[in-house]
Amino acid sequence: MSVRSLTIPKFNQGQTVEFTGGAGMIVKCSPNSQTWAYLVEMEMGEEPEIGRIGYETTILLFETDIALSVK
């Protein structure tokens, strides 16, 4: 597959987006089977009593699973 056959990514690094199950910020995107795949760091919930080391969850989503945040 050639990257040239893909359109430009719909979302950019650092952009806040929403998806079923939550919201987060795009960390990275890459071409994947005629579409784009995005690594998204989910927004953090309240800090637990034991503290926090870093982001709770980073997930891989495809472009069709993501919407712009309305915040």
PDB file of N, CA and C in Angstrom:
ATOM      1  N   MET A   1       0.841  -1.178   0.000  1.00  0.00           N
ATOM      2  CA  MET A   1       0.000   0.000   0.000  1.00  0.00           C
ATOM      3  C   MET A   1       0.887   1.243   0.000  1.00  0.00           C
ATOM      4  N   SER A   2       0.530   2.175  -0.790  1.00  0.00           N
ATOM      5  CA  SER A   2       1.264   3.427  -0.866  1.00  0.00           C
ATOM      6  C   SER A   2       0.551   4.492  -0.031  1.00  0.00           C
ATOM      7  N   VAL A   3       1.331   5.243   0.731  1.00  0.00           N
ATOM      8  CA  VAL A   3       0.753   6.320   1.531  1.00  0.00           C
ATOM      9  C   VAL A   3       0.108   7.353   0.627  1.00  0.00           C
ATOM     10  N   ARG A   4       0.598   7.489  -0.582  1.00  0.00           N
ATOM     11  CA  ARG A   4       0.046   8.475  -1.519  1.00  0.00           C
ATOM     12  C   ARG A   4      -1.409   8.193  -1.869  1.00  0.00           C
ATOM     13  N   SER A   5      -1.861   6.926  -1.729  1.00  0.00           N
ATOM     14  CA  SER A   5      -3.242   6.588  -2.060  1.00  0.00           C
ATOM     15  C   SER A   5      -4.213   7.019  -0.955  1.00  0.00           C
ATOM     16  N   LEU A   6      -3.703   7.406   0.198  1.00  0.00           N
ATOM     17  CA  LEU A   6      -4.545   7.860   1.305  1.00  0.00           C
ATOM     18  C   LEU A   6      -4.773   9.364   1.233  1.00  0.00           C
ATOM     19  N   THR A   7      -5.859   9.781   1.825  1.00  0.00           N
ATOM     20  CA  THR A   7      -6.088  11.209   1.992  1.00  0.00           C
ATOM     21  C   THR A   7      -5.257  11.675   3.185  1.00  0.00           C
ATOM     22  N   ILE A   8      -5.240  12.969   3.417  1.00  0.00           N
ATOM     23  CA  ILE A   8      -4.517  13.478   4.581  1.00  0.00           C
ATOM     24  C   ILE A   8      -5.301  13.095   5.840  1.00  0.00           C
ATOM     25  N   PRO A   9      -4.634  12.960   6.991  1.00  0.00           N
ATOM     26  CA  PRO A   9      -5.362  12.593   8.210  1.00  0.00           C
ATOM     27  C   PRO A   9      -6.392  13.655   8.587  1.00  0.00           C
ATOM     28  N   LYS A  10      -7.517  13.213   9.100  1.00  0.00           N
ATOM     29  CA  LYS A  10      -8.598  14.119   9.494  1.00  0.00           C
ATOM     30  C   LYS A  10      -8.276  14.830  10.812  1.00  0.00           C
ATOM     31  N   PHE A  11      -7.492  14.177  11.678  1.00  0.00           N
ATOM     32  CA  PHE A  11      -7.168  14.720  12.993  1.00  0.00           C
ATOM     33  C   PHE A  11      -5.661  14.899  13.118  1.00  0.00           C
ATOM     34  N   ASN A  12      -5.248  15.824  13.997  1.00  0.00           N
ATOM     35  CA  ASN A  12      -3.827  16.161  14.162  1.00  0.00           C
ATOM     36  C   ASN A  12      -3.320  15.823  15.552  1.00  0.00           C
ATOM     37  N   GLN A  13      -2.007  15.654  15.650  1.00  0.00           N
ATOM     38  CA  GLN A  13      -1.369  15.416  16.932  1.00  0.00           C
ATOM     39  C   GLN A  13      -1.682  16.571  17.884  1.00  0.00           C
ATOM     40  N   GLY A  14      -2.014  16.247  19.132  1.00  0.00           N
ATOM     41  CA  GLY A  14      -2.335  17.262  20.123  1.00  0.00           C
ATOM     42  C   GLY A  14      -3.787  17.700  20.126  1.00  0.00           C
ATOM     43  N   GLN A  15      -4.578  17.219  19.177  1.00  0.00           N
ATOM     44  CA  GLN A  15      -5.985  17.612  19.076  1.00  0.00           C
ATOM     45  C   GLN A  15      -6.827  16.801  20.064  1.00  0.00           C
ATOM     46  N   THR A  16      -7.781  17.463  20.733  1.00  0.00           N
ATOM     47  CA  THR A  16      -8.691  16.790  21.654  1.00  0.00           C
ATOM     48  C   THR A  16      -9.867  16.239  20.866  1.00  0.00           C
ATOM     49  N   VAL A  17     -10.164  14.945  21.074  1.00  0.00           N
ATOM     50  CA  VAL A  17     -11.225  14.272  20.331  1.00  0.00           C
ATOM     51  C   VAL A  17     -12.108  13.478  21.284  1.00  0.00           C
ATOM     52  N   GLU A  18     -13.265  13.062  20.793  1.00  0.00           N
ATOM     53  CA  GLU A  18     -14.188  12.219  21.534  1.00  0.00           C
ATOM     54  C   GLU A  18     -14.394  10.919  20.777  1.00  0.00           C
ATOM     55  N   PHE A  19     -14.791   9.879  21.508  1.00  0.00           N
ATOM     56  CA  PHE A  19     -15.075   8.577  20.924  1.00  0.00           C
ATOM     57  C   PHE A  19     -16.020   7.855  21.870  1.00  0.00           C
ATOM     58  N   THR A  20     -16.624   6.782  21.409  1.00  0.00           N
ATOM     59  CA  THR A  20     -17.518   6.025  22.274  1.00  0.00           C
ATOM     60  C   THR A  20     -16.734   5.541  23.482  1.00  0.00           C
ATOM     61  N   GLY A  21     -17.148   5.961  24.646  1.00  0.00           N
ATOM     62  CA  GLY A  21     -16.471   5.540  25.865  1.00  0.00           C
ATOM     63  C   GLY A  21     -15.580   6.590  26.481  1.00  0.00           C
ATOM     64  N   GLY A  22     -15.414   7.735  25.838  1.00  0.00           N
ATOM     65  CA  GLY A  22     -14.584   8.755  26.464  1.00  0.00           C
ATOM     66  C   GLY A  22     -14.081   9.837  25.536  1.00  0.00           C
ATOM     67  N   ALA A  23     -13.029  10.491  25.999  1.00  0.00           N
ATOM     68  CA  ALA A  23     -12.396  11.574  25.247  1.00  0.00           C
ATOM     69  C   ALA A  23     -10.912  11.511  25.525  1.00  0.00           C
ATOM     70  N   GLY A  24     -10.130  12.172  24.686  1.00  0.00           N
ATOM     71  CA  GLY A  24      -8.690  12.184  24.886  1.00  0.00           C
ATOM     72  C   GLY A  24      -7.979  13.060  23.883  1.00  0.00           C
ATOM     73  N   MET A  25      -6.653  12.948  23.880  1.00  0.00           N
ATOM     74  CA  MET A  25      -5.818  13.757  22.996  1.00  0.00           C
ATOM     75  C   MET A  25      -5.010  12.838  22.092  1.00  0.00           C
ATOM     76  N   ILE A  26      -4.940  13.201  20.813  1.00  0.00           N
ATOM     77  CA  ILE A  26      -4.191  12.404  19.844  1.00  0.00           C
ATOM     78  C   ILE A  26      -2.700  12.572  20.084  1.00  0.00           C
ATOM     79  N   VAL A  27      -1.997  11.434  20.193  1.00  0.00           N
ATOM     80  CA  VAL A  27      -0.560  11.423  20.417  1.00  0.00           C
ATOM     81  C   VAL A  27       0.184  11.210  19.095  1.00  0.00           C
ATOM     82  N   LYS A  28      -0.370  10.336  18.244  1.00  0.00           N
ATOM     83  CA  LYS A  28       0.318   9.970  16.999  1.00  0.00           C
ATOM     84  C   LYS A  28      -0.693   9.388  16.029  1.00  0.00           C
ATOM     85  N   CYS A  29      -0.440   9.543  14.726  1.00  0.00           N
ATOM     86  CA  CYS A  29      -1.279   8.881  13.728  1.00  0.00           C
ATOM     87  C   CYS A  29      -0.387   8.215  12.685  1.00  0.00           C
ATOM     88  N   SER A  30      -0.922   7.158  12.075  1.00  0.00           N
ATOM     89  CA  SER A  30      -0.176   6.449  11.037  1.00  0.00           C
ATOM     90  C   SER A  30      -1.158   5.794  10.074  1.00  0.00           C
ATOM     91  N   PRO A  31      -0.749   5.604   8.806  1.00  0.00           N
ATOM     92  CA  PRO A  31      -1.632   4.965   7.828  1.00  0.00           C
ATOM     93  C   PRO A  31      -1.849   3.496   8.185  1.00  0.00           C
ATOM     94  N   ASN A  32      -3.088   3.011   7.928  1.00  0.00           N
ATOM     95  CA  ASN A  32      -3.413   1.628   8.237  1.00  0.00           C
ATOM     96  C   ASN A  32      -4.564   1.161   7.357  1.00  0.00           C
ATOM     97  N   SER A  33      -4.292   0.303   6.389  1.00  0.00           N
ATOM     98  CA  SER A  33      -5.312  -0.311   5.531  1.00  0.00           C
ATOM     99  C   SER A  33      -6.340   0.672   4.979  1.00  0.00           C
ATOM    100  N   GLN A  34      -5.907   1.598   4.171  1.00  0.00           N
ATOM    101  CA  GLN A  34      -6.767   2.562   3.485  1.00  0.00           C
ATOM    102  C   GLN A  34      -7.414   3.589   4.412  1.00  0.00           C
ATOM    103  N   THR A  35      -6.953   3.708   5.641  1.00  0.00           N
ATOM    104  CA  THR A  35      -7.470   4.695   6.585  1.00  0.00           C
ATOM    105  C   THR A  35      -6.329   5.129   7.494  1.00  0.00           C
ATOM    106  N   TRP A  36      -6.628   5.863   8.538  1.00  0.00           N
ATOM    107  CA  TRP A  36      -5.616   6.304   9.497  1.00  0.00           C
ATOM    108  C   TRP A  36      -5.906   5.701  10.863  1.00  0.00           C
ATOM    109  N   ALA A  37      -4.853   5.321  11.567  1.00  0.00           N
ATOM    110  CA  ALA A  37      -4.962   4.830  12.939  1.00  0.00           C
ATOM    111  C   ALA A  37      -4.345   5.882  13.858  1.00  0.00           C
ATOM    112  N   TYR A  38      -4.945   6.090  15.020  1.00  0.00           N
ATOM    113  CA  TYR A  38      -4.511   7.129  15.950  1.00  0.00           C
ATOM    114  C   TYR A  38      -4.266   6.540  17.333  1.00  0.00           C
ATOM    115  N   LEU A  39      -3.178   6.940  17.976  1.00  0.00           N
ATOM    116  CA  LEU A  39      -2.963   6.642  19.389  1.00  0.00           C
ATOM    117  C   LEU A  39      -3.555   7.798  20.169  1.00  0.00           C
ATOM    118  N   VAL A  40      -4.478   7.492  21.072  1.00  0.00           N
ATOM    119  CA  VAL A  40      -5.185   8.524  21.820  1.00  0.00           C
ATOM    120  C   VAL A  40      -4.984   8.283  23.321  1.00  0.00           C
ATOM    121  N   GLU A  41      -4.498   9.305  24.028  1.00  0.00           N
ATOM    122  CA  GLU A  41      -4.393   9.251  25.482  1.00  0.00           C
ATOM    123  C   GLU A  41      -5.725   9.708  26.049  1.00  0.00           C
ATOM    124  N   MET A  42      -6.372   8.827  26.805  1.00  0.00           N
ATOM    125  CA  MET A  42      -7.664   9.168  27.389  1.00  0.00           C
ATOM    126  C   MET A  42      -7.490  10.204  28.490  1.00  0.00           C
ATOM    127  N   GLU A  43      -8.543  11.007  28.696  1.00  0.00           N
ATOM    128  CA  GLU A  43      -8.529  11.987  29.775  1.00  0.00           C
ATOM    129  C   GLU A  43      -8.474  11.251  31.102  1.00  0.00           C
ATOM    130  N   MET A  44      -7.777  11.819  32.070  1.00  0.00           N
ATOM    131  CA  MET A  44      -7.658  11.195  33.374  1.00  0.00           C
ATOM    132  C   MET A  44      -8.859  11.537  34.242  1.00  0.00           C
ATOM    133  N   GLY A  45      -9.261  10.574  35.049  1.00  0.00           N
ATOM    134  CA  GLY A  45     -10.329  10.785  36.013  1.00  0.00           C
ATOM    135  C   GLY A  45      -9.754  11.431  37.266  1.00  0.00           C
ATOM    136  N   GLU A  46     -10.496  11.362  38.345  1.00  0.00           N
ATOM    137  CA  GLU A  46     -10.017  11.918  39.604  1.00  0.00           C
ATOM    138  C   GLU A  46      -8.780  11.148  40.072  1.00  0.00           C
ATOM    139  N   GLU A  47      -7.868  11.854  40.736  1.00  0.00           N
ATOM    140  CA  GLU A  47      -6.639  11.214  41.206  1.00  0.00           C
ATOM    141  C   GLU A  47      -6.941  10.227  42.325  1.00  0.00           C
ATOM    142  N   PRO A  48      -6.435   8.984  42.199  1.00  0.00           N
ATOM    143  CA  PRO A  48      -6.670   7.994  43.246  1.00  0.00           C
ATOM    144  C   PRO A  48      -5.850   8.311  44.500  1.00  0.00           C
ATOM    145  N   GLU A  49      -6.224   7.702  45.625  1.00  0.00           N
ATOM    146  CA  GLU A  49      -5.543   7.933  46.893  1.00  0.00           C
ATOM    147  C   GLU A  49      -4.056   7.581  46.832  1.00  0.00           C
ATOM    148  N   ILE A  50      -3.704   6.578  46.049  1.00  0.00           N
ATOM    149  CA  ILE A  50      -2.308   6.127  45.984  1.00  0.00           C
ATOM    150  C   ILE A  50      -1.460   6.948  45.023  1.00  0.00           C
ATOM    151  N   GLY A  51      -2.066   7.929  44.372  1.00  0.00           N
ATOM    152  CA  GLY A  51      -1.329   8.771  43.425  1.00  0.00           C
ATOM    153  C   GLY A  51      -1.362   8.214  42.018  1.00  0.00           C
ATOM    154  N   ARG A  52      -0.677   8.887  41.126  1.00  0.00           N
ATOM    155  CA  ARG A  52      -0.693   8.514  39.713  1.00  0.00           C
ATOM    156  C   ARG A  52       0.707   8.677  39.137  1.00  0.00           C
ATOM    157  N   ILE A  53       1.113   7.759  38.278  1.00  0.00           N
ATOM    158  CA  ILE A  53       2.419   7.832  37.638  1.00  0.00           C
ATOM    159  C   ILE A  53       2.332   8.550  36.296  1.00  0.00           C
ATOM    160  N   GLY A  54       1.306   8.261  35.513  1.00  0.00           N
ATOM    161  CA  GLY A  54       1.161   8.860  34.182  1.00  0.00           C
ATOM    162  C   GLY A  54      -0.257   8.683  33.680  1.00  0.00           C
ATOM    163  N   TYR A  55      -0.423   8.747  32.368  1.00  0.00           N
ATOM    164  CA  TYR A  55      -1.753   8.574  31.787  1.00  0.00           C
ATOM    165  C   TYR A  55      -2.289   7.199  32.111  1.00  0.00           C
ATOM    166  N   GLU A  56      -3.588   7.110  32.315  1.00  0.00           N
ATOM    167  CA  GLU A  56      -4.217   5.851  32.685  1.00  0.00           C
ATOM    168  C   GLU A  56      -4.291   4.891  31.499  1.00  0.00           C
ATOM    169  N   THR A  57      -4.655   5.400  30.340  1.00  0.00           N
ATOM    170  CA  THR A  57      -4.862   4.522  29.198  1.00  0.00           C
ATOM    171  C   THR A  57      -4.532   5.236  27.892  1.00  0.00           C
ATOM    172  N   THR A  58      -3.800   4.556  27.030  1.00  0.00           N
ATOM    173  CA  THR A  58      -3.598   5.009  25.658  1.00  0.00           C
ATOM    174  C   THR A  58      -4.193   3.929  24.764  1.00  0.00           C
ATOM    175  N   ILE A  59      -5.078   4.327  23.853  1.00  0.00           N
ATOM    176  CA  ILE A  59      -5.763   3.356  23.008  1.00  0.00           C
ATOM    177  C   ILE A  59      -5.504   3.641  21.530  1.00  0.00           C
ATOM    178  N   LEU A  60      -5.692   2.625  20.707  1.00  0.00           N
ATOM    179  CA  LEU A  60      -5.554   2.740  19.262  1.00  0.00           C
ATOM    180  C   LEU A  60      -6.946   2.789  18.658  1.00  0.00           C
ATOM    181  N   LEU A  61      -7.244   3.859  17.923  1.00  0.00           N
ATOM    182  CA  LEU A  61      -8.547   4.024  17.284  1.00  0.00           C
ATOM    183  C   LEU A  61      -8.364   4.328  15.807  1.00  0.00           C
ATOM    184  N   PHE A  62      -9.342   3.917  15.008  1.00  0.00           N
ATOM    185  CA  PHE A  62      -9.344   4.262  13.594  1.00  0.00           C
ATOM    186  C   PHE A  62     -10.137   5.548  13.391  1.00  0.00           C
ATOM    187  N   GLU A  63      -9.877   6.224  12.288  1.00  0.00           N
ATOM    188  CA  GLU A  63     -10.481   7.525  12.006  1.00  0.00           C
ATOM    189  C   GLU A  63     -12.008   7.499  12.111  1.00  0.00           C
ATOM    190  N   THR A  64     -12.626   6.394  11.705  1.00  0.00           N
ATOM    191  CA  THR A  64     -14.089   6.304  11.733  1.00  0.00           C
ATOM    192  C   THR A  64     -14.648   6.219  13.151  1.00  0.00           C
ATOM    193  N   ASP A  65     -13.805   5.941  14.143  1.00  0.00           N
ATOM    194  CA  ASP A  65     -14.227   5.824  15.535  1.00  0.00           C
ATOM    195  C   ASP A  65     -14.110   7.116  16.325  1.00  0.00           C
ATOM    196  N   ILE A  66     -13.621   8.190  15.690  1.00  0.00           N
ATOM    197  CA  ILE A  66     -13.286   9.421  16.384  1.00  0.00           C
ATOM    198  C   ILE A  66     -14.151  10.573  15.883  1.00  0.00           C
ATOM    199  N   ALA A  67     -14.492  11.490  16.798  1.00  0.00           N
ATOM    200  CA  ALA A  67     -15.210  12.720  16.455  1.00  0.00           C
ATOM    201  C   ALA A  67     -14.504  13.894  17.125  1.00  0.00           C
ATOM    202  N   LEU A  68     -14.661  15.075  16.557  1.00  0.00           N
ATOM    203  CA  LEU A  68     -14.063  16.272  17.190  1.00  0.00           C
ATOM    204  C   LEU A  68     -14.728  16.530  18.529  1.00  0.00           C
ATOM    205  N   SER A  69     -13.938  16.977  19.478  1.00  0.00           N
ATOM    206  CA  SER A  69     -14.462  17.320  20.790  1.00  0.00           C
ATOM    207  C   SER A  69     -15.276  18.593  20.700  1.00  0.00           C
ATOM    208  N   VAL A  70     -16.366  18.662  21.451  1.00  0.00           N
ATOM    209  CA  VAL A  70     -17.222  19.843  21.447  1.00  0.00           C
ATOM    210  C   VAL A  70     -16.915  20.750  22.637  1.00  0.00           C
ATOM    211  N   LYS A  71     -15.867  20.492  23.378  1.00  0.00           N
ATOM    212  CA  LYS A  71     -15.485  21.292  24.549  1.00  0.00           C
ATOM    213  C   LYS A  71     -15.005  22.644  24.141  1.00  0.00           C
TER     214      LYS A  71
END
